Amino acid sequence: LGMAEARGEKHWIPRIRARLGEVIQDQDDAESALGLYSEALRELTEQAKAPGVGLPAAFFHVLQNVAVAQHYAEDTPGALATLDRLTTLQRARRHWQGLQSEDMDNLEELASLGRALAFGAELMRGGDKQQKGKALRWIAESIAAQREANGGGDTADTADALNTMGNIQFDIGLPHDALYSYQAALRAYEGVGLLGKTLGAAAVHENLGTVLDASGDFVQAANVHLKALAVQRKMLPAGSPELVASVHRAAVLSVKAKRFTEGGTYLEEALSHRDKLSPAEIEALEVAQSAIEEFKRKRPQGKKDRAVLRETLRESGFSVAV
């Protein structure tokens, strides 16, 4: 940065300053990063011929970084205001300049708009009914923009956006719509070769399991969740809070599906990490444990029960003889 300033290379100074902000932000210093981003935006605006028209692509990239830093600094209203400004400017830029999709730089700007809309929609999930409605509109626009930027196909970013859409739909009481969105997200992950290979795809399986659980389809809910758990066992550290929470969920869903032997195995594993569970989670496990004990009193383990347990354990990453 000092060298660029000494040489008077005005074009590169704000870009270097923004990159320095990213490095500092990665070190969990959001406040210092915001200072660098603010100065970079001022310099980029000065270099532009007019507000909105002529702003370089770097301006929009820095503005999105500002929103991320504000989110990390726990300033959600500030992050949403920044994203409102960012998406308004990006839409206006496309309208005023008549950007054509055939231009590769313009395609990247369109994809950038899609990512910004998706981030804003995710932040608005925690808001009131009006904000959730806006979040649903933003995520729909995000998916359309990302698909257009990718020639009509899906990417991992599109899959993430479809998952967010499902989350919002479930939040506002549209479980059937959410089910469709989660299924579409899984198809998108499969299309880019990431199904069963990323935590993002595992999260979609978890969310799909939640919808199925709410609908009363406990068997399918357990099956879907165990697909998520199998990936999480490969990618998360043993005993991590996220993995323990997933094992807890597997225990509860297995018992709901009346797969009591399987549920007992997950229950024991979850309780071995009791210190990482909330009081509500421990209470849910105690209810599941009571159901398992009742099952044992009424029916001893048979061949069929053992076969189900053996196959489920294998799918979920266990290596256990049953």
C-alpha atoms as a PDB file:
ATOM      1  CA  LEU A   1       0.000   0.000   0.000  1.00  0.00           C
ATOM      2  CA  GLY A   2       2.837   2.381   0.887  1.00  0.00           C
ATOM      3  CA  MET A   3       4.581   1.688  -2.411  1.00  0.00           C
ATOM      4  CA  ALA A   4       1.419   2.366  -4.418  1.00  0.00           C
ATOM      5  CA  GLU A   5       0.874   5.629  -2.539  1.00  0.00           C
ATOM      6  CA  ALA A   6       4.488   6.664  -3.089  1.00  0.00           C
ATOM      7  CA  ARG A   7       4.154   6.032  -6.830  1.00  0.00           C
ATOM      8  CA  GLY A   8       0.801   7.769  -7.035  1.00  0.00           C
ATOM      9  CA  GLU A   9      -0.897   4.685  -8.471  1.00  0.00           C
ATOM     10  CA  LYS A  10      -4.395   5.876  -7.644  1.00  0.00           C
ATOM     11  CA  HIS A  11      -6.112   3.029  -9.462  1.00  0.00           C
ATOM     12  CA  TRP A  12      -4.538   0.385  -7.228  1.00  0.00           C
ATOM     13  CA  ILE A  13      -4.583   2.176  -3.854  1.00  0.00           C
ATOM     14  CA  PRO A  14      -8.242   1.504  -2.929  1.00  0.00           C
ATOM     15  CA  ARG A  15      -8.026  -2.077  -4.205  1.00  0.00           C
ATOM     16  CA  ILE A  16      -4.932  -2.771  -2.114  1.00  0.00           C
ATOM     17  CA  ARG A  17      -6.566  -1.071   0.862  1.00  0.00           C
ATOM     18  CA  ALA A  18      -9.655  -3.275   0.484  1.00  0.00           C
ATOM     19  CA  ARG A  19      -7.511  -6.405   0.230  1.00  0.00           C
ATOM     20  CA  LEU A  20      -5.722  -5.371   3.427  1.00  0.00           C
ATOM     21  CA  GLY A  21      -9.144  -5.034   5.044  1.00  0.00           C
ATOM     22  CA  GLU A  22      -9.987  -8.609   4.042  1.00  0.00           C
ATOM     23  CA  VAL A  23      -6.778  -9.888   5.629  1.00  0.00           C
ATOM     24  CA  ILE A  24      -7.506  -7.991   8.859  1.00  0.00           C
ATOM     25  CA  GLN A  25     -11.119  -9.179   8.855  1.00  0.00           C
ATOM     26  CA  ASP A  26      -9.891 -12.783   8.606  1.00  0.00           C
ATOM     27  CA  GLN A  27      -8.023 -12.073  11.854  1.00  0.00           C
ATOM     28  CA  ASP A  28     -11.355 -11.227  13.547  1.00  0.00           C
ATOM     29  CA  ASP A  29     -10.768  -7.474  13.620  1.00  0.00           C
ATOM     30  CA  ALA A  30     -13.985  -6.332  11.940  1.00  0.00           C
ATOM     31  CA  GLU A  31     -13.759  -2.744  13.229  1.00  0.00           C
ATOM     32  CA  SER A  32     -10.327  -2.093  11.679  1.00  0.00           C
ATOM     33  CA  ALA A  33     -11.443  -3.775   8.468  1.00  0.00           C
ATOM     34  CA  LEU A  34     -14.477  -1.492   8.292  1.00  0.00           C
ATOM     35  CA  GLY A  35     -12.209   1.541   8.514  1.00  0.00           C
ATOM     36  CA  LEU A  36     -10.135   0.328   5.557  1.00  0.00           C
ATOM     37  CA  TYR A  37     -13.241  -0.554   3.531  1.00  0.00           C
ATOM     38  CA  SER A  38     -14.738   2.881   4.176  1.00  0.00           C
ATOM     39  CA  GLU A  39     -11.613   4.635   2.906  1.00  0.00           C
ATOM     40  CA  ALA A  40     -11.442   2.321  -0.126  1.00  0.00           C
ATOM     41  CA  LEU A  41     -15.078   3.089  -1.000  1.00  0.00           C
ATOM     42  CA  ARG A  42     -14.421   6.823  -0.743  1.00  0.00           C
ATOM     43  CA  GLU A  43     -11.448   6.532  -3.089  1.00  0.00           C
ATOM     44  CA  LEU A  44     -13.325   4.338  -5.567  1.00  0.00           C
ATOM     45  CA  THR A  45     -16.259   6.769  -5.593  1.00  0.00           C
ATOM     46  CA  GLU A  46     -13.904   9.664  -6.338  1.00  0.00           C
ATOM     47  CA  GLN A  47     -12.468   7.713  -9.251  1.00  0.00           C
ATOM     48  CA  ALA A  48     -15.916   7.035 -10.714  1.00  0.00           C
ATOM     49  CA  LYS A  49     -17.351   9.401 -13.301  1.00  0.00           C
ATOM     50  CA  ALA A  50     -20.761   9.550 -11.628  1.00  0.00           C
ATOM     51  CA  PRO A  51     -22.554   7.848  -8.725  1.00  0.00           C
ATOM     52  CA  GLY A  52     -24.079   4.561  -9.767  1.00  0.00           C
ATOM     53  CA  VAL A  53     -22.940   4.795 -13.399  1.00  0.00           C
ATOM     54  CA  GLY A  54     -19.256   4.119 -13.868  1.00  0.00           C
ATOM     55  CA  LEU A  55     -18.623   2.651 -10.471  1.00  0.00           C
ATOM     56  CA  PRO A  56     -16.051  -0.128 -10.895  1.00  0.00           C
ATOM     57  CA  ALA A  57     -16.800  -3.740 -10.025  1.00  0.00           C
ATOM     58  CA  ALA A  58     -14.354  -3.390  -7.118  1.00  0.00           C
ATOM     59  CA  PHE A  59     -16.745  -0.912  -5.484  1.00  0.00           C
ATOM     60  CA  PHE A  60     -19.505  -3.517  -5.230  1.00  0.00           C
ATOM     61  CA  HIS A  61     -17.071  -6.144  -3.966  1.00  0.00           C
ATOM     62  CA  VAL A  62     -15.884  -3.827  -1.184  1.00  0.00           C
ATOM     63  CA  LEU A  63     -19.438  -2.867  -0.269  1.00  0.00           C
ATOM     64  CA  GLN A  64     -20.334  -6.542   0.137  1.00  0.00           C
ATOM     65  CA  ASN A  65     -17.280  -6.947   2.382  1.00  0.00           C
ATOM     66  CA  VAL A  66     -18.588  -4.064   4.486  1.00  0.00           C
ATOM     67  CA  ALA A  67     -21.865  -5.919   5.024  1.00  0.00           C
ATOM     68  CA  VAL A  68     -20.015  -9.082   6.055  1.00  0.00           C
ATOM     69  CA  ALA A  69     -17.824  -7.137   8.493  1.00  0.00           C
ATOM     70  CA  GLN A  70     -20.872  -5.412   9.985  1.00  0.00           C
ATOM     71  CA  HIS A  71     -22.494  -8.808  10.461  1.00  0.00           C
ATOM     72  CA  TYR A  72     -19.396 -10.106  12.254  1.00  0.00           C
ATOM     73  CA  ALA A  73     -19.448  -6.960  14.394  1.00  0.00           C
ATOM     74  CA  GLU A  74     -23.045  -7.918  15.359  1.00  0.00           C
ATOM     75  CA  ASP A  75     -24.476  -4.899  13.536  1.00  0.00           C
ATOM     76  CA  THR A  76     -27.227  -6.700  11.606  1.00  0.00           C
ATOM     77  CA  PRO A  77     -29.265  -3.509  10.895  1.00  0.00           C
ATOM     78  CA  GLY A  78     -26.123  -1.887   9.496  1.00  0.00           C
ATOM     79  CA  ALA A  79     -25.355  -4.943   7.361  1.00  0.00           C
ATOM     80  CA  LEU A  80     -28.891  -4.963   5.954  1.00  0.00           C
ATOM     81  CA  ALA A  81     -28.728  -1.242   5.180  1.00  0.00           C
ATOM     82  CA  THR A  82     -25.441  -1.797   3.348  1.00  0.00           C
ATOM     83  CA  LEU A  83     -26.886  -4.702   1.375  1.00  0.00           C
ATOM     84  CA  ASP A  84     -29.928  -2.580   0.478  1.00  0.00           C
ATOM     85  CA  ARG A  85     -27.591   0.070  -0.883  1.00  0.00           C
ATOM     86  CA  LEU A  86     -25.438  -2.503  -2.676  1.00  0.00           C
ATOM     87  CA  THR A  87     -28.278  -4.316  -4.415  1.00  0.00           C
ATOM     88  CA  THR A  88     -30.010  -1.055  -5.376  1.00  0.00           C
ATOM     89  CA  LEU A  89     -26.814   0.216  -7.009  1.00  0.00           C
ATOM     90  CA  GLN A  90     -26.183  -3.087  -8.770  1.00  0.00           C
ATOM     91  CA  ARG A  91     -29.716  -3.219 -10.164  1.00  0.00           C
ATOM     92  CA  ALA A  92     -29.432   0.396 -11.302  1.00  0.00           C
ATOM     93  CA  ARG A  93     -26.063  -0.258 -12.937  1.00  0.00           C
ATOM     94  CA  ARG A  94     -27.518  -3.136 -14.942  1.00  0.00           C
ATOM     95  CA  HIS A  95     -30.492  -1.011 -15.983  1.00  0.00           C
ATOM     96  CA  TRP A  96     -28.609   2.172 -16.874  1.00  0.00           C
ATOM     97  CA  GLN A  97     -25.798   0.542 -18.739  1.00  0.00           C
ATOM     98  CA  GLY A  98     -27.927  -2.161 -20.374  1.00  0.00           C
ATOM     99  CA  LEU A  99     -25.484  -4.892 -19.452  1.00  0.00           C
ATOM    100  CA  GLN A 100     -25.551  -7.884 -21.786  1.00  0.00           C
ATOM    101  CA  SER A 101     -25.249 -11.403 -20.361  1.00  0.00           C
ATOM    102  CA  GLU A 102     -22.745 -12.383 -23.052  1.00  0.00           C
ATOM    103  CA  ASP A 103     -20.081 -10.184 -21.417  1.00  0.00           C
ATOM    104  CA  MET A 104     -18.043 -12.298 -18.949  1.00  0.00           C
ATOM    105  CA  ASP A 105     -17.407  -9.363 -16.587  1.00  0.00           C
ATOM    106  CA  ASN A 106     -21.116  -8.607 -16.539  1.00  0.00           C
ATOM    107  CA  LEU A 107     -21.919 -12.232 -15.740  1.00  0.00           C
ATOM    108  CA  GLU A 108     -19.664 -12.019 -12.704  1.00  0.00           C
ATOM    109  CA  GLU A 109     -21.413  -8.833 -11.596  1.00  0.00           C
ATOM    110  CA  LEU A 110     -24.753 -10.605 -11.965  1.00  0.00           C
ATOM    111  CA  ALA A 111     -23.486 -13.524  -9.874  1.00  0.00           C
ATOM    112  CA  SER A 112     -22.208 -10.995  -7.311  1.00  0.00           C
ATOM    113  CA  LEU A 113     -25.682  -9.436  -7.122  1.00  0.00           C
ATOM    114  CA  GLY A 114     -27.121 -12.903  -6.551  1.00  0.00           C
ATOM    115  CA  ARG A 115     -24.721 -13.590  -3.686  1.00  0.00           C
ATOM    116  CA  ALA A 116     -25.465 -10.223  -2.060  1.00  0.00           C
ATOM    117  CA  LEU A 117     -29.207 -10.846  -2.238  1.00  0.00           C
ATOM    118  CA  ALA A 118     -28.767 -14.315  -0.719  1.00  0.00           C
ATOM    119  CA  PHE A 119     -26.688 -12.920   2.151  1.00  0.00           C
ATOM    120  CA  GLY A 120     -29.286 -10.246   2.847  1.00  0.00           C
ATOM    121  CA  ALA A 121     -32.112 -12.779   2.776  1.00  0.00           C
ATOM    122  CA  GLU A 122     -30.291 -14.961   5.309  1.00  0.00           C
ATOM    123  CA  LEU A 123     -29.840 -11.969   7.639  1.00  0.00           C
ATOM    124  CA  MET A 124     -33.520 -11.023   7.339  1.00  0.00           C
ATOM    125  CA  ARG A 125     -34.655 -14.487   8.494  1.00  0.00           C
ATOM    126  CA  GLY A 126     -34.429 -13.293  12.094  1.00  0.00           C
ATOM    127  CA  GLY A 127     -36.696 -10.303  11.482  1.00  0.00           C
ATOM    128  CA  ASP A 128     -40.454  -9.741  11.690  1.00  0.00           C
ATOM    129  CA  LYS A 129     -43.081 -10.965   9.227  1.00  0.00           C
ATOM    130  CA  GLN A 130     -42.477  -8.042   6.866  1.00  0.00           C
ATOM    131  CA  GLN A 131     -38.728  -8.680   6.790  1.00  0.00           C
ATOM    132  CA  LYS A 132     -39.278 -12.383   6.172  1.00  0.00           C
ATOM    133  CA  GLY A 133     -41.489 -11.486   3.219  1.00  0.00           C
ATOM    134  CA  LYS A 134     -38.741  -9.274   1.840  1.00  0.00           C
ATOM    135  CA  ALA A 135     -36.227 -12.054   2.461  1.00  0.00           C
ATOM    136  CA  LEU A 136     -38.329 -14.415   0.332  1.00  0.00           C
ATOM    137  CA  ARG A 137     -38.381 -11.895  -2.528  1.00  0.00           C
ATOM    138  CA  TRP A 138     -34.633 -11.338  -2.279  1.00  0.00           C
ATOM    139  CA  ILE A 139     -33.779 -15.023  -2.278  1.00  0.00           C
ATOM    140  CA  ALA A 140     -36.013 -15.652  -5.302  1.00  0.00           C
ATOM    141  CA  GLU A 141     -34.236 -12.818  -7.157  1.00  0.00           C
ATOM    142  CA  SER A 142     -30.889 -14.202  -6.005  1.00  0.00           C
ATOM    143  CA  ILE A 143     -31.594 -17.644  -7.457  1.00  0.00           C
ATOM    144  CA  ALA A 144     -32.787 -16.144 -10.755  1.00  0.00           C
ATOM    145  CA  ALA A 145     -29.684 -13.929 -11.010  1.00  0.00           C
ATOM    146  CA  GLN A 146     -27.267 -16.758 -10.241  1.00  0.00           C
ATOM    147  CA  ARG A 147     -28.923 -19.071 -12.736  1.00  0.00           C
ATOM    148  CA  GLU A 148     -28.828 -16.401 -15.434  1.00  0.00           C
ATOM    149  CA  ALA A 149     -25.155 -15.786 -14.693  1.00  0.00           C
ATOM    150  CA  ASN A 150     -24.510 -19.514 -15.070  1.00  0.00           C
ATOM    151  CA  GLY A 151     -26.358 -19.909 -18.351  1.00  0.00           C
ATOM    152  CA  GLY A 152     -29.479 -21.320 -16.729  1.00  0.00           C
ATOM    153  CA  GLY A 153     -27.710 -23.961 -14.651  1.00  0.00           C
ATOM    154  CA  ASP A 154     -27.095 -24.277 -10.942  1.00  0.00           C
ATOM    155  CA  THR A 155     -23.928 -23.809  -8.887  1.00  0.00           C
ATOM    156  CA  ALA A 156     -23.038 -24.460  -5.257  1.00  0.00           C
ATOM    157  CA  ASP A 157     -24.080 -20.852  -4.558  1.00  0.00           C
ATOM    158  CA  THR A 158     -27.490 -21.561  -6.110  1.00  0.00           C
ATOM    159  CA  ALA A 159     -27.822 -24.679  -3.971  1.00  0.00           C
ATOM    160  CA  ASP A 160     -27.071 -22.617  -0.855  1.00  0.00           C
ATOM    161  CA  ALA A 161     -29.655 -20.033  -1.935  1.00  0.00           C
ATOM    162  CA  LEU A 162     -32.280 -22.727  -2.466  1.00  0.00           C
ATOM    163  CA  ASN A 163     -31.549 -24.000   1.050  1.00  0.00           C
ATOM    164  CA  THR A 164     -32.031 -20.471   2.398  1.00  0.00           C
ATOM    165  CA  MET A 165     -35.310 -20.206   0.501  1.00  0.00           C
ATOM    166  CA  GLY A 166     -36.469 -23.444   2.141  1.00  0.00           C
ATOM    167  CA  ASN A 167     -35.510 -22.117   5.574  1.00  0.00           C
ATOM    168  CA  ILE A 168     -37.501 -18.917   5.037  1.00  0.00           C
ATOM    169  CA  GLN A 169     -40.519 -20.806   3.701  1.00  0.00           C
ATOM    170  CA  PHE A 170     -40.481 -23.111   6.716  1.00  0.00           C
ATOM    171  CA  ASP A 171     -40.144 -20.106   9.041  1.00  0.00           C
ATOM    172  CA  ILE A 172     -43.285 -18.457   7.624  1.00  0.00           C
ATOM    173  CA  GLY A 173     -45.370 -21.638   7.694  1.00  0.00           C
ATOM    174  CA  LEU A 174     -44.979 -22.993   4.157  1.00  0.00           C
ATOM    175  CA  PRO A 175     -43.595 -26.505   4.825  1.00  0.00           C
ATOM    176  CA  HIS A 176     -44.625 -27.934   1.444  1.00  0.00           C
ATOM    177  CA  ASP A 177     -42.832 -25.119  -0.388  1.00  0.00           C
ATOM    178  CA  ALA A 178     -39.825 -25.629   1.874  1.00  0.00           C
ATOM    179  CA  LEU A 179     -39.802 -29.338   1.034  1.00  0.00           C
ATOM    180  CA  TYR A 180     -39.641 -28.519  -2.680  1.00  0.00           C
ATOM    181  CA  SER A 181     -36.836 -25.977  -2.155  1.00  0.00           C
ATOM    182  CA  TYR A 182     -34.718 -28.407  -0.124  1.00  0.00           C
ATOM    183  CA  GLN A 183     -35.191 -31.108  -2.759  1.00  0.00           C
ATOM    184  CA  ALA A 184     -34.167 -28.605  -5.447  1.00  0.00           C
ATOM    185  CA  ALA A 185     -31.088 -27.696  -3.389  1.00  0.00           C
ATOM    186  CA  LEU A 186     -30.079 -31.354  -3.176  1.00  0.00           C
ATOM    187  CA  ARG A 187     -30.510 -31.725  -6.948  1.00  0.00           C
ATOM    188  CA  ALA A 188     -28.324 -28.659  -7.446  1.00  0.00           C
ATOM    189  CA  TYR A 189     -25.598 -30.092  -5.197  1.00  0.00           C
ATOM    190  CA  GLU A 190     -25.837 -33.382  -7.070  1.00  0.00           C
ATOM    191  CA  GLY A 191     -25.550 -31.544 -10.391  1.00  0.00           C
ATOM    192  CA  VAL A 192     -22.231 -29.981  -9.396  1.00  0.00           C
ATOM    193  CA  GLY A 193     -20.910 -33.201  -7.849  1.00  0.00           C
ATOM    194  CA  LEU A 194     -21.042 -32.055  -4.224  1.00  0.00           C
ATOM    195  CA  LEU A 195     -23.917 -34.109  -2.833  1.00  0.00           C
ATOM    196  CA  GLY A 196     -22.666 -36.065   0.172  1.00  0.00           C
ATOM    197  CA  LYS A 197     -19.338 -34.225   0.086  1.00  0.00           C
ATOM    198  CA  THR A 198     -19.891 -30.863   1.797  1.00  0.00           C
ATOM    199  CA  LEU A 199     -21.314 -29.563   5.052  1.00  0.00           C
ATOM    200  CA  GLY A 200     -23.608 -27.331   3.000  1.00  0.00           C
ATOM    201  CA  ALA A 201     -25.271 -30.335   1.403  1.00  0.00           C
ATOM    202  CA  ALA A 202     -25.427 -32.033   4.813  1.00  0.00           C
ATOM    203  CA  ALA A 203     -27.251 -28.978   6.180  1.00  0.00           C
ATOM    204  CA  VAL A 204     -29.885 -29.361   3.467  1.00  0.00           C
ATOM    205  CA  HIS A 205     -30.426 -32.988   4.500  1.00  0.00           C
ATOM    206  CA  GLU A 206     -30.784 -31.831   8.115  1.00  0.00           C
ATOM    207  CA  ASN A 207     -33.328 -29.186   7.137  1.00  0.00           C
ATOM    208  CA  LEU A 208     -35.264 -31.639   4.974  1.00  0.00           C
ATOM    209  CA  GLY A 209     -35.352 -34.001   7.944  1.00  0.00           C
ATOM    210  CA  THR A 210     -36.819 -31.214  10.082  1.00  0.00           C
ATOM    211  CA  VAL A 211     -39.669 -30.664   7.601  1.00  0.00           C
ATOM    212  CA  LEU A 212     -40.381 -34.393   7.376  1.00  0.00           C
ATOM    213  CA  ASP A 213     -40.321 -34.635  11.174  1.00  0.00           C
ATOM    214  CA  ALA A 214     -42.832 -31.781  11.437  1.00  0.00           C
ATOM    215  CA  SER A 215     -45.076 -33.546   8.916  1.00  0.00           C
ATOM    216  CA  GLY A 216     -45.039 -36.742  10.994  1.00  0.00           C
ATOM    217  CA  ASP A 217     -42.980 -38.812   8.546  1.00  0.00           C
ATOM    218  CA  PHE A 218     -40.512 -39.906  11.215  1.00  0.00           C
ATOM    219  CA  VAL A 219     -38.995 -42.806   9.269  1.00  0.00           C
ATOM    220  CA  GLN A 220     -38.014 -40.653   6.294  1.00  0.00           C
ATOM    221  CA  ALA A 221     -36.919 -37.848   8.635  1.00  0.00           C
ATOM    222  CA  ALA A 222     -34.519 -40.237  10.374  1.00  0.00           C
ATOM    223  CA  ASN A 223     -33.251 -41.647   7.075  1.00  0.00           C
ATOM    224  CA  VAL A 224     -32.553 -38.198   5.643  1.00  0.00           C
ATOM    225  CA  HIS A 225     -30.878 -36.957   8.817  1.00  0.00           C
ATOM    226  CA  LEU A 226     -28.558 -39.960   8.919  1.00  0.00           C
ATOM    227  CA  LYS A 227     -27.294 -38.989   5.452  1.00  0.00           C
ATOM    228  CA  ALA A 228     -26.303 -35.646   6.930  1.00  0.00           C
ATOM    229  CA  LEU A 229     -24.671 -37.322   9.930  1.00  0.00           C
ATOM    230  CA  ALA A 230     -22.590 -39.600   7.700  1.00  0.00           C
ATOM    231  CA  VAL A 231     -21.033 -36.539   5.999  1.00  0.00           C
ATOM    232  CA  GLN A 232     -20.608 -34.633   9.257  1.00  0.00           C
ATOM    233  CA  ARG A 233     -18.670 -37.537  10.802  1.00  0.00           C
ATOM    234  CA  LYS A 234     -16.165 -37.250   7.966  1.00  0.00           C
ATOM    235  CA  MET A 235     -15.812 -33.471   8.074  1.00  0.00           C
ATOM    236  CA  LEU A 236     -16.304 -32.347  11.680  1.00  0.00           C
ATOM    237  CA  PRO A 237     -13.939 -33.006  14.602  1.00  0.00           C
ATOM    238  CA  ALA A 238     -15.066 -35.776  16.935  1.00  0.00           C
ATOM    239  CA  GLY A 239     -16.936 -34.291  19.880  1.00  0.00           C
ATOM    240  CA  SER A 240     -17.475 -30.905  18.213  1.00  0.00           C
ATOM    241  CA  PRO A 241     -20.696 -29.134  19.289  1.00  0.00           C
ATOM    242  CA  GLU A 242     -22.106 -29.365  15.760  1.00  0.00           C
ATOM    243  CA  LEU A 243     -21.506 -33.106  15.550  1.00  0.00           C
ATOM    244  CA  VAL A 244     -22.875 -33.742  19.044  1.00  0.00           C
ATOM    245  CA  ALA A 245     -26.031 -31.798  18.140  1.00  0.00           C
ATOM    246  CA  SER A 246     -26.452 -33.928  15.023  1.00  0.00           C
ATOM    247  CA  VAL A 247     -26.005 -37.167  16.974  1.00  0.00           C
ATOM    248  CA  HIS A 248     -28.588 -35.894  19.472  1.00  0.00           C
ATOM    249  CA  ARG A 249     -30.986 -35.296  16.587  1.00  0.00           C
ATOM    250  CA  ALA A 250     -30.305 -38.789  15.230  1.00  0.00           C
ATOM    251  CA  ALA A 251     -31.185 -40.293  18.620  1.00  0.00           C
ATOM    252  CA  VAL A 252     -34.468 -38.404  18.874  1.00  0.00           C
ATOM    253  CA  LEU A 253     -35.547 -39.107  15.278  1.00  0.00           C
ATOM    254  CA  SER A 254     -34.622 -42.791  15.505  1.00  0.00           C
ATOM    255  CA  VAL A 255     -36.803 -43.214  18.580  1.00  0.00           C
ATOM    256  CA  LYS A 256     -39.653 -41.320  16.898  1.00  0.00           C
ATOM    257  CA  ALA A 257     -39.305 -43.753  13.981  1.00  0.00           C
ATOM    258  CA  LYS A 258     -39.529 -46.615  16.536  1.00  0.00           C
ATOM    259  CA  ARG A 259     -36.014 -47.790  15.699  1.00  0.00           C
ATOM    260  CA  PHE A 260     -35.226 -48.142  19.363  1.00  0.00           C
ATOM    261  CA  THR A 261     -31.991 -50.126  19.257  1.00  0.00           C
ATOM    262  CA  GLU A 262     -30.483 -47.671  16.792  1.00  0.00           C
ATOM    263  CA  GLY A 263     -31.781 -44.755  18.842  1.00  0.00           C
ATOM    264  CA  GLY A 264     -30.201 -46.190  21.976  1.00  0.00           C
ATOM    265  CA  THR A 265     -26.790 -46.257  20.295  1.00  0.00           C
ATOM    266  CA  TYR A 266     -27.025 -42.603  19.286  1.00  0.00           C
ATOM    267  CA  LEU A 267     -28.460 -41.677  22.674  1.00  0.00           C
ATOM    268  CA  GLU A 268     -25.476 -43.164  24.508  1.00  0.00           C
ATOM    269  CA  GLU A 269     -23.079 -41.326  22.216  1.00  0.00           C
ATOM    270  CA  ALA A 270     -24.900 -38.029  22.701  1.00  0.00           C
ATOM    271  CA  LEU A 271     -25.022 -38.411  26.478  1.00  0.00           C
ATOM    272  CA  SER A 272     -21.270 -39.051  26.525  1.00  0.00           C
ATOM    273  CA  HIS A 273     -21.011 -35.363  25.539  1.00  0.00           C
ATOM    274  CA  ARG A 274     -23.641 -34.157  28.004  1.00  0.00           C
ATOM    275  CA  ASP A 275     -21.617 -31.009  28.746  1.00  0.00           C
ATOM    276  CA  LYS A 276     -22.184 -29.813  25.160  1.00  0.00           C
ATOM    277  CA  LEU A 277     -25.955 -30.240  25.254  1.00  0.00           C
ATOM    278  CA  SER A 278     -28.527 -27.689  26.351  1.00  0.00           C
ATOM    279  CA  PRO A 279     -31.007 -28.498  29.144  1.00  0.00           C
ATOM    280  CA  ALA A 280     -33.753 -28.842  26.507  1.00  0.00           C
ATOM    281  CA  GLU A 281     -31.644 -31.294  24.493  1.00  0.00           C
ATOM    282  CA  ILE A 282     -30.886 -33.376  27.586  1.00  0.00           C
ATOM    283  CA  GLU A 283     -34.583 -33.422  28.444  1.00  0.00           C
ATOM    284  CA  ALA A 284     -35.405 -34.639  24.913  1.00  0.00           C
ATOM    285  CA  LEU A 285     -32.873 -37.440  25.302  1.00  0.00           C
ATOM    286  CA  GLU A 286     -34.362 -38.438  28.643  1.00  0.00           C
ATOM    287  CA  VAL A 287     -37.781 -38.709  26.983  1.00  0.00           C
ATOM    288  CA  ALA A 288     -36.221 -40.833  24.230  1.00  0.00           C
ATOM    289  CA  GLN A 289     -34.482 -42.981  26.832  1.00  0.00           C
ATOM    290  CA  SER A 290     -37.816 -43.626  28.570  1.00  0.00           C
ATOM    291  CA  ALA A 291     -39.306 -44.744  25.247  1.00  0.00           C
ATOM    292  CA  ILE A 292     -36.375 -47.098  24.655  1.00  0.00           C
ATOM    293  CA  GLU A 293     -36.705 -48.609  28.128  1.00  0.00           C
ATOM    294  CA  GLU A 294     -40.421 -49.140  27.556  1.00  0.00           C
ATOM    295  CA  PHE A 295     -39.628 -50.869  24.252  1.00  0.00           C
ATOM    296  CA  LYS A 296     -37.124 -53.172  25.946  1.00  0.00           C
ATOM    297  CA  ARG A 297     -39.698 -54.171  28.541  1.00  0.00           C
ATOM    298  CA  LYS A 298     -42.261 -55.045  25.877  1.00  0.00           C
ATOM    299  CA  ARG A 299     -40.108 -56.589  23.169  1.00  0.00           C
ATOM    300  CA  PRO A 300     -36.639 -58.155  23.272  1.00  0.00           C
ATOM    301  CA  GLN A 301     -34.205 -57.446  20.437  1.00  0.00           C
ATOM    302  CA  GLY A 302     -34.839 -59.656  17.436  1.00  0.00           C
ATOM    303  CA  LYS A 303     -33.085 -60.385  14.177  1.00  0.00           C
ATOM    304  CA  LYS A 304     -34.968 -57.717  12.246  1.00  0.00           C
ATOM    305  CA  ASP A 305     -34.148 -55.012  14.781  1.00  0.00           C
ATOM    306  CA  ARG A 306     -30.477 -55.965  14.749  1.00  0.00           C
ATOM    307  CA  ALA A 307     -30.389 -55.922  10.927  1.00  0.00           C
ATOM    308  CA  VAL A 308     -31.834 -52.399  10.821  1.00  0.00           C
ATOM    309  CA  LEU A 309     -29.287 -51.228  13.376  1.00  0.00           C
ATOM    310  CA  ARG A 310     -26.379 -52.827  11.522  1.00  0.00           C
ATOM    311  CA  GLU A 311     -27.272 -51.170   8.205  1.00  0.00           C
ATOM    312  CA  THR A 312     -27.958 -47.769   9.772  1.00  0.00           C
ATOM    313  CA  LEU A 313     -24.693 -47.748  11.685  1.00  0.00           C
ATOM    314  CA  ARG A 314     -22.801 -48.623   8.527  1.00  0.00           C
ATOM    315  CA  GLU A 315     -24.451 -45.756   6.581  1.00  0.00           C
ATOM    316  CA  SER A 316     -23.662 -43.309   9.375  1.00  0.00           C
ATOM    317  CA  GLY A 317     -19.975 -44.042   9.592  1.00  0.00           C
ATOM    318  CA  PHE A 318     -19.855 -46.550  12.465  1.00  0.00           C
ATOM    319  CA  SER A 319     -17.921 -49.776  12.281  1.00  0.00           C
ATOM    320  CA  VAL A 320     -19.740 -51.950  14.793  1.00  0.00           C
ATOM    321  CA  ALA A 321     -20.631 -55.618  14.859  1.00  0.00           C
ATOM    322  CA  VAL A 322     -24.250 -56.102  15.925  1.00  0.00           C
END
